[in-house]
Amino acid sequence: MRPYCVFCNIVAGTEPANVVYQDDDVIVIQNVLRWVPVMLLAMTKEHTTQGELWDAHIGKVGRIAAEIGRRLCPGGFRLLTNFGYDAMQSQEHGHLHILGGAFLGHYVG
């Protein structure tokens, strides 16, 4: 039995989510975190790790995420992914963040 995965449960319809887009393979949902006006998560419906997402599925997921970003954030947006604990990856199910709707600030470094 697979460990608990909130994203798999959302795909299965057993947990609620605001679905922005879905097709047979990909789903985009509103993130429960609201740090910026547009904060979405794009992922495969099939459970994948971040590595598997990038190895086999990023083309389709990335195209959909970019299209949604262009539509909802005409002034610009970010697509980002966290890999592992040190990068603050909070869910094992591979996903891509779509962030925008406001000026996201300058990079500090």
Protein backbone atom coordinates (compact mmCIF):
# COMPACT_ATOMS: atom_id res chain seq x y z
CA MET A 1 0.00 0.00 0.00
CA ARG A 2 1.28 3.44 -0.94
CA PRO A 3 1.78 5.98 1.86
CA TYR A 4 -0.71 8.82 2.24
CA CYS A 5 -0.44 11.40 -0.57
CA VAL A 6 -2.73 14.44 -0.51
CA PHE A 7 -2.23 15.02 -4.25
CA CYS A 8 -3.21 11.43 -5.13
CA ASN A 9 -6.30 11.85 -2.95
CA ILE A 10 -7.18 15.10 -4.75
CA VAL A 11 -6.84 13.31 -8.10
CA ALA A 12 -9.04 10.48 -6.78
CA GLY A 13 -11.65 12.99 -5.60
CA THR A 14 -11.41 12.00 -1.94
CA GLU A 15 -9.97 15.36 -0.83
CA PRO A 16 -11.17 18.80 -1.94
CA ALA A 17 -9.23 21.16 -4.19
CA ASN A 18 -9.88 24.10 -6.45
CA VAL A 19 -9.02 22.57 -9.82
CA VAL A 20 -7.88 25.15 -12.38
CA TYR A 21 -7.16 22.67 -15.19
CA GLN A 22 -7.17 18.95 -15.83
CA ASP A 23 -6.91 16.50 -18.67
CA ASP A 24 -6.27 12.74 -18.73
CA ASP A 25 -2.69 13.11 -17.46
CA VAL A 26 -2.23 16.48 -15.73
CA ILE A 27 -4.02 18.45 -13.03
CA VAL A 28 -3.44 22.03 -11.88
CA ILE A 29 -4.81 23.05 -8.51
CA GLN A 30 -4.79 26.16 -6.35
CA ASN A 31 -2.21 25.88 -3.60
CA VAL A 32 -3.65 26.11 -0.08
CA LEU A 33 -0.79 28.52 0.67
CA ARG A 34 -1.55 32.06 -0.51
CA TRP A 35 1.76 33.93 -0.35
CA VAL A 36 1.09 35.63 -3.71
CA PRO A 37 -2.16 36.21 -5.63
CA VAL A 38 -1.58 33.32 -8.04
CA MET A 39 -0.14 30.24 -6.38
CA LEU A 40 -0.89 27.03 -8.25
CA LEU A 41 0.51 23.50 -8.40
CA ALA A 42 0.81 21.55 -11.66
CA MET A 43 1.43 17.80 -11.58
CA THR A 44 0.78 14.50 -13.24
CA LYS A 45 -2.27 12.65 -12.05
CA GLU A 46 -0.08 9.58 -11.67
CA HIS A 47 2.07 9.63 -8.54
CA THR A 48 5.64 10.52 -9.52
CA THR A 49 8.68 11.78 -7.68
CA GLN A 50 10.22 15.15 -8.58
CA GLY A 51 12.93 13.31 -10.50
CA GLU A 52 10.41 11.25 -12.45
CA LEU A 53 8.39 14.37 -13.21
CA TRP A 54 11.46 16.04 -14.71
CA ASP A 55 12.75 12.89 -16.45
CA ALA A 56 9.54 11.88 -18.18
CA HIS A 57 6.74 14.43 -17.84
CA ILE A 58 8.10 17.98 -17.60
CA GLY A 59 7.45 18.70 -21.28
CA LYS A 60 3.68 18.37 -20.98
CA VAL A 61 3.36 19.65 -17.40
CA GLY A 62 5.66 22.58 -18.20
CA ARG A 63 3.72 23.55 -21.33
CA ILE A 64 0.43 23.54 -19.42
CA ALA A 65 1.93 25.45 -16.49
CA ALA A 66 3.40 28.09 -18.80
CA GLU A 67 0.10 28.52 -20.65
CA ILE A 68 -1.80 28.97 -17.38
CA GLY A 69 0.87 31.36 -16.13
CA ARG A 70 0.61 33.48 -19.30
CA ARG A 71 -3.18 33.54 -19.03
CA LEU A 72 -3.45 34.38 -15.32
CA CYS A 73 -0.30 36.48 -14.89
CA PRO A 74 0.15 38.68 -17.97
CA GLY A 75 2.78 40.77 -16.16
CA GLY A 76 4.98 37.73 -15.56
CA PHE A 77 5.20 34.59 -13.44
CA ARG A 78 7.62 32.02 -12.06
CA LEU A 79 7.71 28.29 -12.49
CA LEU A 80 9.72 26.49 -9.84
CA THR A 81 10.27 23.11 -8.28
CA ASN A 82 11.74 22.11 -4.94
CA PHE A 83 13.88 18.96 -4.81
CA GLY A 84 14.25 17.42 -1.36
CA TYR A 85 14.13 18.51 2.23
CA ASP A 86 16.84 21.19 2.02
CA ALA A 87 14.89 22.87 -0.81
CA MET A 88 11.67 22.71 1.27
CA GLN A 89 9.90 20.07 -0.82
CA SER A 90 6.84 19.35 1.31
CA GLN A 91 5.09 16.71 -0.83
CA GLU A 92 6.66 13.62 -2.36
CA HIS A 93 4.29 13.73 -5.36
CA GLY A 94 6.25 15.63 -8.04
CA HIS A 95 4.83 19.06 -8.81
CA LEU A 96 5.64 22.41 -10.38
CA HIS A 97 4.72 25.73 -8.73
CA ILE A 98 3.14 28.54 -10.77
CA LEU A 99 3.60 31.85 -8.93
CA GLY A 100 2.53 35.33 -9.99
CA GLY A 101 -0.08 38.02 -9.98
CA ALA A 102 2.24 40.53 -8.26
CA PHE A 103 5.84 41.71 -8.40
CA LEU A 104 7.78 38.79 -6.93
CA GLY A 105 10.80 40.81 -5.86
CA HIS A 106 14.44 40.84 -6.71
CA TYR A 107 16.71 37.87 -6.26
CA VAL A 108 18.95 38.25 -3.25
CA GLY A 109 22.29 36.63 -3.39
